[in-house]
Amino acid sequence: MEKQLLDEIRELSDDTICRLTNLQTTEDIDILRTAILRRVERWVEAGVLEADAPWEDAWNLFKTCLEIHRAAKMSQEHTQNNAKFPLGRIVATPGALKALEEASQDPMEFLQRHQSGDWGELCEQDKRENVFSLKNGYRLLSAYSTRTNTKIWIITESDRSATSLILPHEY
């Protein structure tokens, strides 16, 4: 049941983000939060969710999705701020989203480092491989640790169409 709830929250999040692509104010975010909370209340009324279930977790997941959406929007302007390549569409696994939320860290912190060629906690050989891959159009990998010491990988595809935030065991 929890997986179904999270899937529906993700679907609602994606739908809402698509409709409100220019989220700029706290009021915009509150509109999204209200939409999610209304849906959760309907699930409680329908018996899909227990009244004391941790639906705030669903909201926290949505907030992290929203941060990733903002990061994607910012990456479209990749020519600014030392960006060496476009990130393309930014996606994240549920594990990476949870790790970022638990660490109270914005994904943009890691995405900007990745995009500027700071490959993080890779060995020297892997860093050299990234420099080669950047010049020759191959896949790029960075590795970082959150404040809670959870390792996060960022992978940008060779055609620069997408960048993924994942946990190593999800690869």
N, C-alpha and C. Protein backbone atom coordinates (compact mmCIF):
# COMPACT_ATOMS: atom_id res chain seq x y z
N MET A 1 0.82 -1.19 0.00
CA MET A 1 0.00 0.00 0.00
C MET A 1 0.87 1.26 0.00
N GLU A 2 1.98 1.23 0.78
CA GLU A 2 2.85 2.40 0.84
C GLU A 2 3.47 2.69 -0.52
N LYS A 3 3.89 1.66 -1.25
CA LYS A 3 4.46 1.85 -2.58
C LYS A 3 3.43 2.48 -3.52
N GLN A 4 2.17 2.01 -3.42
CA GLN A 4 1.11 2.58 -4.25
C GLN A 4 0.93 4.06 -3.92
N LEU A 5 0.95 4.37 -2.64
CA LEU A 5 0.80 5.77 -2.24
C LEU A 5 1.93 6.62 -2.81
N LEU A 6 3.16 6.16 -2.67
CA LEU A 6 4.28 6.93 -3.17
C LEU A 6 4.24 7.06 -4.68
N ASP A 7 3.84 6.00 -5.37
CA ASP A 7 3.68 6.08 -6.83
C ASP A 7 2.65 7.15 -7.20
N GLU A 8 1.53 7.16 -6.48
CA GLU A 8 0.49 8.15 -6.77
C GLU A 8 0.96 9.56 -6.43
N ILE A 9 1.73 9.71 -5.35
CA ILE A 9 2.28 11.02 -5.01
C ILE A 9 3.23 11.49 -6.10
N ARG A 10 4.08 10.58 -6.59
CA ARG A 10 5.00 10.94 -7.68
C ARG A 10 4.22 11.36 -8.93
N GLU A 11 3.17 10.61 -9.24
CA GLU A 11 2.34 10.94 -10.40
C GLU A 11 1.71 12.31 -10.23
N LEU A 12 1.16 12.56 -9.04
CA LEU A 12 0.55 13.85 -8.77
C LEU A 12 1.60 14.95 -8.84
N SER A 13 2.79 14.68 -8.31
CA SER A 13 3.87 15.66 -8.33
C SER A 13 4.24 16.01 -9.76
N ASP A 14 4.46 14.99 -10.59
CA ASP A 14 4.83 15.22 -11.98
C ASP A 14 3.76 16.01 -12.71
N ASP A 15 2.50 15.63 -12.50
CA ASP A 15 1.39 16.31 -13.14
C ASP A 15 1.33 17.78 -12.71
N THR A 16 1.47 18.01 -11.42
CA THR A 16 1.38 19.37 -10.90
C THR A 16 2.56 20.20 -11.38
N ILE A 17 3.75 19.61 -11.38
CA ILE A 17 4.92 20.34 -11.87
C ILE A 17 4.76 20.69 -13.34
N CYS A 18 4.21 19.78 -14.12
CA CYS A 18 3.98 20.07 -15.54
C CYS A 18 3.04 21.25 -15.72
N ARG A 19 2.01 21.34 -14.85
CA ARG A 19 1.05 22.43 -14.98
C ARG A 19 1.60 23.76 -14.46
N LEU A 20 2.49 23.70 -13.49
CA LEU A 20 3.02 24.92 -12.89
C LEU A 20 4.54 24.96 -13.06
N THR A 21 4.98 25.20 -14.28
CA THR A 21 6.41 25.09 -14.56
C THR A 21 7.21 26.28 -14.06
N ASN A 22 6.57 27.35 -13.71
CA ASN A 22 7.31 28.54 -13.27
C ASN A 22 7.11 28.80 -11.79
N LEU A 23 7.32 27.80 -10.98
CA LEU A 23 7.18 27.97 -9.54
C LEU A 23 8.24 28.93 -9.03
N GLN A 24 7.81 30.01 -8.47
CA GLN A 24 8.76 31.01 -8.00
C GLN A 24 8.53 31.39 -6.54
N THR A 25 7.31 31.33 -6.08
CA THR A 25 7.00 31.86 -4.76
C THR A 25 6.57 30.77 -3.79
N THR A 26 6.60 31.12 -2.53
CA THR A 26 6.11 30.22 -1.49
C THR A 26 4.63 29.91 -1.74
N GLU A 27 3.90 30.87 -2.23
CA GLU A 27 2.47 30.64 -2.52
C GLU A 27 2.29 29.55 -3.57
N ASP A 28 3.14 29.54 -4.61
CA ASP A 28 3.07 28.49 -5.63
C ASP A 28 3.29 27.12 -5.02
N ILE A 29 4.27 27.03 -4.14
CA ILE A 29 4.57 25.76 -3.50
C ILE A 29 3.42 25.34 -2.58
N ASP A 30 2.83 26.31 -1.89
CA ASP A 30 1.69 25.99 -1.02
C ASP A 30 0.50 25.45 -1.82
N ILE A 31 0.31 25.94 -3.03
CA ILE A 31 -0.75 25.43 -3.89
C ILE A 31 -0.51 23.95 -4.17
N LEU A 32 0.74 23.61 -4.46
CA LEU A 32 1.08 22.21 -4.71
C LEU A 32 0.89 21.37 -3.46
N ARG A 33 1.32 21.89 -2.34
CA ARG A 33 1.19 21.16 -1.08
C ARG A 33 -0.28 20.89 -0.78
N THR A 34 -1.12 21.89 -0.98
CA THR A 34 -2.56 21.74 -0.73
C THR A 34 -3.14 20.66 -1.63
N ALA A 35 -2.73 20.63 -2.89
CA ALA A 35 -3.23 19.60 -3.81
C ALA A 35 -2.86 18.21 -3.31
N ILE A 36 -1.65 18.05 -2.85
CA ILE A 36 -1.22 16.75 -2.35
C ILE A 36 -1.97 16.40 -1.07
N LEU A 37 -2.09 17.34 -0.16
CA LEU A 37 -2.76 17.05 1.10
C LEU A 37 -4.23 16.70 0.89
N ARG A 38 -4.88 17.35 -0.08
CA ARG A 38 -6.27 17.00 -0.41
C ARG A 38 -6.36 15.56 -0.89
N ARG A 39 -5.41 15.16 -1.74
CA ARG A 39 -5.40 13.79 -2.24
C ARG A 39 -5.19 12.81 -1.09
N VAL A 40 -4.27 13.12 -0.20
CA VAL A 40 -4.01 12.24 0.94
C VAL A 40 -5.25 12.14 1.83
N GLU A 41 -5.93 13.25 2.06
CA GLU A 41 -7.16 13.22 2.87
C GLU A 41 -8.20 12.31 2.22
N ARG A 42 -8.31 12.36 0.89
CA ARG A 42 -9.25 11.48 0.20
C ARG A 42 -8.87 10.02 0.39
N TRP A 43 -7.57 9.72 0.39
CA TRP A 43 -7.12 8.35 0.61
C TRP A 43 -7.46 7.88 2.02
N VAL A 44 -7.34 8.79 2.99
CA VAL A 44 -7.70 8.45 4.38
C VAL A 44 -9.19 8.15 4.46
N GLU A 45 -10.01 9.02 3.86
CA GLU A 45 -11.46 8.82 3.87
C GLU A 45 -11.85 7.52 3.18
N ALA A 46 -11.15 7.17 2.12
CA ALA A 46 -11.47 5.95 1.38
C ALA A 46 -10.89 4.69 2.04
N GLY A 47 -10.12 4.87 3.10
CA GLY A 47 -9.53 3.73 3.79
C GLY A 47 -8.28 3.20 3.13
N VAL A 48 -7.76 3.91 2.13
CA VAL A 48 -6.53 3.49 1.46
C VAL A 48 -5.34 3.74 2.38
N LEU A 49 -5.47 4.72 3.22
CA LEU A 49 -4.40 5.14 4.11
C LEU A 49 -4.96 5.28 5.51
N GLU A 50 -4.21 4.86 6.51
CA GLU A 50 -4.67 5.03 7.89
C GLU A 50 -4.54 6.49 8.28
N ALA A 51 -5.41 6.94 9.15
CA ALA A 51 -5.44 8.35 9.55
C ALA A 51 -4.13 8.79 10.19
N ASP A 52 -3.45 7.88 10.86
CA ASP A 52 -2.20 8.26 11.51
C ASP A 52 -0.97 7.90 10.68
N ALA A 53 -1.15 7.59 9.41
CA ALA A 53 -0.04 7.23 8.52
C ALA A 53 0.86 8.45 8.31
N PRO A 54 2.13 8.21 8.03
CA PRO A 54 3.08 9.32 7.89
C PRO A 54 2.98 9.99 6.52
N TRP A 55 1.87 10.65 6.25
CA TRP A 55 1.70 11.27 4.94
C TRP A 55 2.62 12.46 4.77
N GLU A 56 3.16 12.98 5.85
CA GLU A 56 4.14 14.07 5.74
C GLU A 56 5.37 13.57 4.98
N ASP A 57 5.66 12.26 5.07
CA ASP A 57 6.77 11.70 4.30
C ASP A 57 6.53 11.86 2.80
N ALA A 58 5.27 11.69 2.42
CA ALA A 58 4.94 11.87 1.00
C ALA A 58 5.18 13.31 0.58
N TRP A 59 4.83 14.25 1.45
CA TRP A 59 5.08 15.66 1.15
C TRP A 59 6.57 15.94 1.04
N ASN A 60 7.37 15.35 1.94
CA ASN A 60 8.81 15.55 1.89
C ASN A 60 9.39 15.00 0.59
N LEU A 61 8.89 13.86 0.15
CA LEU A 61 9.32 13.30 -1.12
C LEU A 61 8.98 14.26 -2.25
N PHE A 62 7.78 14.80 -2.21
CA PHE A 62 7.37 15.75 -3.24
C PHE A 62 8.27 16.98 -3.24
N LYS A 63 8.62 17.49 -2.07
CA LYS A 63 9.49 18.66 -2.00
C LYS A 63 10.83 18.37 -2.67
N THR A 64 11.36 17.19 -2.45
CA THR A 64 12.64 16.84 -3.07
C THR A 64 12.47 16.74 -4.58
N CYS A 65 11.34 16.17 -5.04
CA CYS A 65 11.06 16.13 -6.49
C CYS A 65 11.01 17.55 -7.06
N LEU A 66 10.41 18.45 -6.29
CA LEU A 66 10.31 19.83 -6.72
C LEU A 66 11.70 20.46 -6.82
N GLU A 67 12.57 20.16 -5.87
CA GLU A 67 13.94 20.68 -5.92
C GLU A 67 14.65 20.16 -7.17
N ILE A 68 14.42 18.92 -7.50
CA ILE A 68 15.05 18.35 -8.70
C ILE A 68 14.50 19.04 -9.95
N HIS A 69 13.20 19.33 -9.94
CA HIS A 69 12.61 20.05 -11.07
C HIS A 69 13.27 21.42 -11.21
N ARG A 70 13.45 22.11 -10.10
CA ARG A 70 14.11 23.42 -10.16
C ARG A 70 15.54 23.28 -10.65
N ALA A 71 16.23 22.24 -10.19
CA ALA A 71 17.60 22.01 -10.64
C ALA A 71 17.63 21.81 -12.14
N ALA A 72 16.67 21.06 -12.66
CA ALA A 72 16.60 20.82 -14.10
C ALA A 72 16.40 22.12 -14.85
N LYS A 73 15.54 22.96 -14.31
CA LYS A 73 15.28 24.25 -14.94
C LYS A 73 16.55 25.10 -14.97
N MET A 74 17.27 25.08 -13.85
CA MET A 74 18.50 25.86 -13.78
C MET A 74 19.57 25.29 -14.70
N SER A 75 19.59 23.99 -14.88
CA SER A 75 20.63 23.38 -15.72
C SER A 75 20.46 23.74 -17.19
N GLN A 76 19.25 24.14 -17.56
CA GLN A 76 19.03 24.55 -18.94
C GLN A 76 19.83 25.79 -19.29
N GLU A 77 20.23 26.52 -18.26
CA GLU A 77 21.05 27.71 -18.45
C GLU A 77 22.50 27.34 -18.14
N HIS A 78 22.96 26.20 -18.67
CA HIS A 78 24.24 25.64 -18.28
C HIS A 78 25.46 26.44 -18.71
N THR A 79 25.29 27.44 -19.54
CA THR A 79 26.44 28.22 -19.97
C THR A 79 26.94 29.14 -18.87
N GLN A 80 26.15 29.32 -17.82
CA GLN A 80 26.56 30.16 -16.71
C GLN A 80 27.25 29.31 -15.65
N ASN A 81 27.95 29.95 -14.74
CA ASN A 81 28.50 29.33 -13.53
C ASN A 81 29.42 28.14 -13.78
N ASN A 82 30.37 28.26 -14.69
CA ASN A 82 31.39 27.22 -14.90
C ASN A 82 30.86 25.89 -15.43
N ALA A 83 29.67 25.84 -15.95
CA ALA A 83 29.13 24.58 -16.45
C ALA A 83 29.92 24.12 -17.67
N LYS A 84 30.33 22.86 -17.65
CA LYS A 84 31.12 22.30 -18.75
C LYS A 84 30.27 21.50 -19.73
N PHE A 85 29.03 21.19 -19.36
CA PHE A 85 28.16 20.39 -20.22
C PHE A 85 26.73 20.53 -19.72
N PRO A 86 25.74 20.29 -20.61
CA PRO A 86 24.34 20.31 -20.18
C PRO A 86 23.99 19.02 -19.43
N LEU A 87 23.07 19.12 -18.50
CA LEU A 87 22.65 17.95 -17.74
C LEU A 87 21.52 17.19 -18.40
N GLY A 88 20.79 17.82 -19.29
CA GLY A 88 19.63 17.17 -19.89
C GLY A 88 18.52 17.05 -18.85
N ARG A 89 17.67 16.06 -19.04
CA ARG A 89 16.58 15.81 -18.10
C ARG A 89 17.16 15.22 -16.81
N ILE A 90 16.79 15.78 -15.68
CA ILE A 90 17.31 15.31 -14.40
C ILE A 90 16.29 14.39 -13.75
N VAL A 91 16.76 13.20 -13.38
CA VAL A 91 15.91 12.21 -12.72
C VAL A 91 16.64 11.71 -11.48
N ALA A 92 15.88 11.11 -10.57
CA ALA A 92 16.49 10.56 -9.35
C ALA A 92 15.72 9.33 -8.92
N THR A 93 16.44 8.41 -8.34
CA THR A 93 15.80 7.21 -7.81
C THR A 93 15.16 7.53 -6.46
N PRO A 94 14.20 6.72 -6.03
CA PRO A 94 13.60 6.94 -4.71
C PRO A 94 14.65 6.93 -3.59
N GLY A 95 15.65 6.07 -3.70
CA GLY A 95 16.70 6.02 -2.68
C GLY A 95 17.49 7.31 -2.61
N ALA A 96 17.83 7.86 -3.76
CA ALA A 96 18.57 9.13 -3.79
C ALA A 96 17.71 10.26 -3.23
N LEU A 97 16.43 10.27 -3.59
CA LEU A 97 15.53 11.30 -3.06
C LEU A 97 15.45 11.22 -1.53
N LYS A 98 15.34 10.02 -1.03
CA LYS A 98 15.26 9.83 0.42
C LYS A 98 16.55 10.26 1.10
N ALA A 99 17.69 9.92 0.52
CA ALA A 99 18.97 10.30 1.10
C ALA A 99 19.14 11.81 1.15
N LEU A 100 18.75 12.50 0.10
CA LEU A 100 18.83 13.96 0.07
C LEU A 100 17.91 14.57 1.12
N GLU A 101 16.72 14.02 1.24
CA GLU A 101 15.76 14.52 2.23
C GLU A 101 16.29 14.31 3.64
N GLU A 102 16.81 13.12 3.92
CA GLU A 102 17.33 12.82 5.26
C GLU A 102 18.51 13.71 5.61
N ALA A 103 19.30 14.10 4.62
CA ALA A 103 20.46 14.95 4.85
C ALA A 103 20.10 16.44 4.80
N SER A 104 18.86 16.74 4.45
CA SER A 104 18.41 18.14 4.28
C SER A 104 19.32 18.88 3.31
N GLN A 105 19.60 18.22 2.18
CA GLN A 105 20.46 18.83 1.17
C GLN A 105 19.72 18.97 -0.15
N ASP A 106 20.02 20.05 -0.82
CA ASP A 106 19.44 20.37 -2.11
C ASP A 106 20.23 19.62 -3.19
N PRO A 107 19.56 18.92 -4.09
CA PRO A 107 20.29 18.21 -5.15
C PRO A 107 21.14 19.14 -6.01
N MET A 108 20.75 20.40 -6.09
CA MET A 108 21.49 21.35 -6.92
C MET A 108 22.93 21.51 -6.44
N GLU A 109 23.13 21.35 -5.14
CA GLU A 109 24.48 21.42 -4.57
C GLU A 109 25.41 20.43 -5.27
N PHE A 110 24.94 19.22 -5.47
CA PHE A 110 25.73 18.17 -6.10
C PHE A 110 25.73 18.31 -7.62
N LEU A 111 24.60 18.68 -8.19
CA LEU A 111 24.50 18.81 -9.64
C LEU A 111 25.42 19.91 -10.17
N GLN A 112 25.52 21.02 -9.45
CA GLN A 112 26.41 22.09 -9.90
C GLN A 112 27.87 21.66 -9.86
N ARG A 113 28.24 20.93 -8.82
CA ARG A 113 29.61 20.42 -8.73
C ARG A 113 29.90 19.49 -9.90
N HIS A 114 28.98 18.57 -10.14
CA HIS A 114 29.12 17.62 -11.24
C HIS A 114 29.27 18.35 -12.57
N GLN A 115 28.39 19.31 -12.80
CA GLN A 115 28.36 20.02 -14.07
C GLN A 115 29.60 20.90 -14.29
N SER A 116 30.25 21.31 -13.20
CA SER A 116 31.44 22.14 -13.33
C SER A 116 32.72 21.32 -13.44
N GLY A 117 32.60 19.98 -13.39
CA GLY A 117 33.78 19.13 -13.52
C GLY A 117 34.42 18.76 -12.20
N ASP A 118 33.75 19.04 -11.09
CA ASP A 118 34.20 18.57 -9.77
C ASP A 118 33.59 17.18 -9.60
N TRP A 119 34.38 16.16 -9.82
CA TRP A 119 33.87 14.80 -9.85
C TRP A 119 33.71 14.18 -8.47
N GLY A 120 34.02 14.95 -7.43
CA GLY A 120 33.77 14.49 -6.07
C GLY A 120 34.77 13.46 -5.60
N GLU A 121 34.26 12.36 -5.07
CA GLU A 121 35.06 11.36 -4.37
C GLU A 121 35.49 10.20 -5.26
N LEU A 122 35.81 10.49 -6.50
CA LEU A 122 36.31 9.46 -7.41
C LEU A 122 37.83 9.33 -7.26
N CYS A 123 38.35 8.17 -7.58
CA CYS A 123 39.80 7.99 -7.60
C CYS A 123 40.37 8.78 -8.79
N GLU A 124 41.68 8.99 -8.78
CA GLU A 124 42.32 9.79 -9.83
C GLU A 124 42.10 9.19 -11.22
N GLN A 125 42.15 7.88 -11.34
CA GLN A 125 41.94 7.24 -12.64
C GLN A 125 40.53 7.53 -13.17
N ASP A 126 39.52 7.45 -12.29
CA ASP A 126 38.15 7.74 -12.73
C ASP A 126 37.97 9.22 -13.08
N LYS A 127 38.67 10.09 -12.38
CA LYS A 127 38.61 11.52 -12.71
C LYS A 127 39.21 11.77 -14.09
N ARG A 128 40.35 11.11 -14.38
CA ARG A 128 40.96 11.24 -15.71
C ARG A 128 40.02 10.68 -16.79
N GLU A 129 39.35 9.59 -16.47
CA GLU A 129 38.37 9.01 -17.41
C GLU A 129 37.25 10.00 -17.70
N ASN A 130 36.80 10.72 -16.68
CA ASN A 130 35.75 11.73 -16.89
C ASN A 130 36.24 12.86 -17.79
N VAL A 131 37.48 13.30 -17.60
CA VAL A 131 38.03 14.35 -18.46
C VAL A 131 38.05 13.87 -19.91
N PHE A 132 38.49 12.65 -20.12
CA PHE A 132 38.49 12.04 -21.46
C PHE A 132 37.05 11.95 -21.99
N SER A 133 36.13 11.48 -21.14
CA SER A 133 34.73 11.30 -21.55
C SER A 133 34.07 12.63 -21.88
N LEU A 134 34.41 13.66 -21.15
CA LEU A 134 33.87 14.99 -21.42
C LEU A 134 34.30 15.47 -22.79
N LYS A 135 35.56 15.27 -23.13
CA LYS A 135 36.09 15.71 -24.43
C LYS A 135 35.55 14.87 -25.59
N ASN A 136 35.26 13.59 -25.31
CA ASN A 136 34.91 12.67 -26.39
C ASN A 136 33.45 12.22 -26.40
N GLY A 137 32.63 12.81 -25.55
CA GLY A 137 31.20 12.53 -25.58
C GLY A 137 30.79 11.20 -24.99
N TYR A 138 31.44 10.79 -23.90
CA TYR A 138 31.05 9.56 -23.21
C TYR A 138 30.34 9.89 -21.90
N ARG A 139 29.82 8.87 -21.27
CA ARG A 139 29.10 9.00 -20.01
C ARG A 139 30.01 9.57 -18.91
N LEU A 140 29.42 10.41 -18.03
CA LEU A 140 30.16 11.04 -16.94
C LEU A 140 29.62 10.55 -15.60
N LEU A 141 30.52 10.33 -14.64
CA LEU A 141 30.13 9.85 -13.32
C LEU A 141 30.79 10.72 -12.26
N SER A 142 30.02 11.10 -11.25
CA SER A 142 30.55 11.77 -10.06
C SER A 142 30.04 11.02 -8.84
N ALA A 143 30.78 11.13 -7.75
CA ALA A 143 30.38 10.48 -6.50
C ALA A 143 30.55 11.49 -5.36
N TYR A 144 29.53 11.61 -4.55
CA TYR A 144 29.55 12.55 -3.43
C TYR A 144 28.94 11.87 -2.21
N SER A 145 29.24 12.41 -1.04
CA SER A 145 28.61 11.94 0.20
C SER A 145 27.74 13.06 0.75
N THR A 146 26.57 12.68 1.22
CA THR A 146 25.69 13.65 1.86
C THR A 146 26.21 13.92 3.28
N ARG A 147 25.57 14.86 3.97
CA ARG A 147 25.94 15.16 5.35
C ARG A 147 25.76 13.95 6.27
N THR A 148 24.89 13.03 5.86
CA THR A 148 24.66 11.82 6.66
C THR A 148 25.54 10.67 6.20
N ASN A 149 26.54 10.99 5.37
CA ASN A 149 27.51 10.01 4.85
C ASN A 149 26.90 8.95 3.94
N THR A 150 25.83 9.29 3.26
CA THR A 150 25.27 8.40 2.25
C THR A 150 25.90 8.78 0.91
N LYS A 151 26.44 7.79 0.23
CA LYS A 151 27.08 8.02 -1.07
C LYS A 151 26.01 8.19 -2.14
N ILE A 152 26.15 9.23 -2.95
CA ILE A 152 25.25 9.47 -4.09
C ILE A 152 26.09 9.56 -5.35
N TRP A 153 25.67 8.85 -6.37
CA TRP A 153 26.30 8.94 -7.68
C TRP A 153 25.46 9.83 -8.57
N ILE A 154 26.13 10.59 -9.41
CA ILE A 154 25.46 11.36 -10.46
C ILE A 154 26.04 10.90 -11.78
N ILE A 155 25.17 10.49 -12.69
CA ILE A 155 25.59 9.97 -13.99
C ILE A 155 24.90 10.79 -15.09
N THR A 156 25.71 11.35 -15.98
CA THR A 156 25.17 12.05 -17.15
C THR A 156 25.45 11.18 -18.37
N GLU A 157 24.40 10.95 -19.14
CA GLU A 157 24.50 10.09 -20.31
C GLU A 157 25.41 10.70 -21.37
N SER A 158 25.95 9.85 -22.23
CA SER A 158 26.91 10.29 -23.23
C SER A 158 26.35 11.35 -24.18
N ASP A 159 25.06 11.26 -24.49
CA ASP A 159 24.47 12.26 -25.39
C ASP A 159 23.98 13.49 -24.64
N ARG A 160 24.22 13.53 -23.32
CA ARG A 160 23.84 14.65 -22.43
C ARG A 160 22.34 14.88 -22.39
N SER A 161 21.57 13.84 -22.69
CA SER A 161 20.11 13.95 -22.68
C SER A 161 19.52 13.81 -21.28
N ALA A 162 20.28 13.19 -20.37
CA ALA A 162 19.73 12.94 -19.02
C ALA A 162 20.86 12.81 -18.01
N THR A 163 20.54 13.22 -16.80
CA THR A 163 21.44 13.05 -15.66
C THR A 163 20.64 12.40 -14.55
N SER A 164 21.22 11.37 -13.94
CA SER A 164 20.53 10.61 -12.88
C SER A 164 21.26 10.75 -11.56
N LEU A 165 20.50 10.91 -10.49
CA LEU A 165 21.02 10.84 -9.14
C LEU A 165 20.59 9.49 -8.60
N ILE A 166 21.56 8.68 -8.20
CA ILE A 166 21.27 7.32 -7.73
C ILE A 166 22.16 6.97 -6.55
N LEU A 167 21.75 5.95 -5.81
CA LEU A 167 22.63 5.37 -4.81
C LEU A 167 23.41 4.25 -5.49
N PRO A 168 24.67 4.03 -5.09
CA PRO A 168 25.49 3.01 -5.77
C PRO A 168 24.82 1.64 -5.87
N HIS A 169 24.12 1.20 -4.84
CA HIS A 169 23.52 -0.13 -4.90
C HIS A 169 22.30 -0.19 -5.83
N GLU A 170 21.84 0.98 -6.30
CA GLU A 170 20.69 1.01 -7.23
C GLU A 170 21.16 0.92 -8.69
N TYR A 171 22.45 0.93 -8.92
CA TYR A 171 22.98 0.91 -10.29
C TYR A 171 22.84 -0.47 -10.89
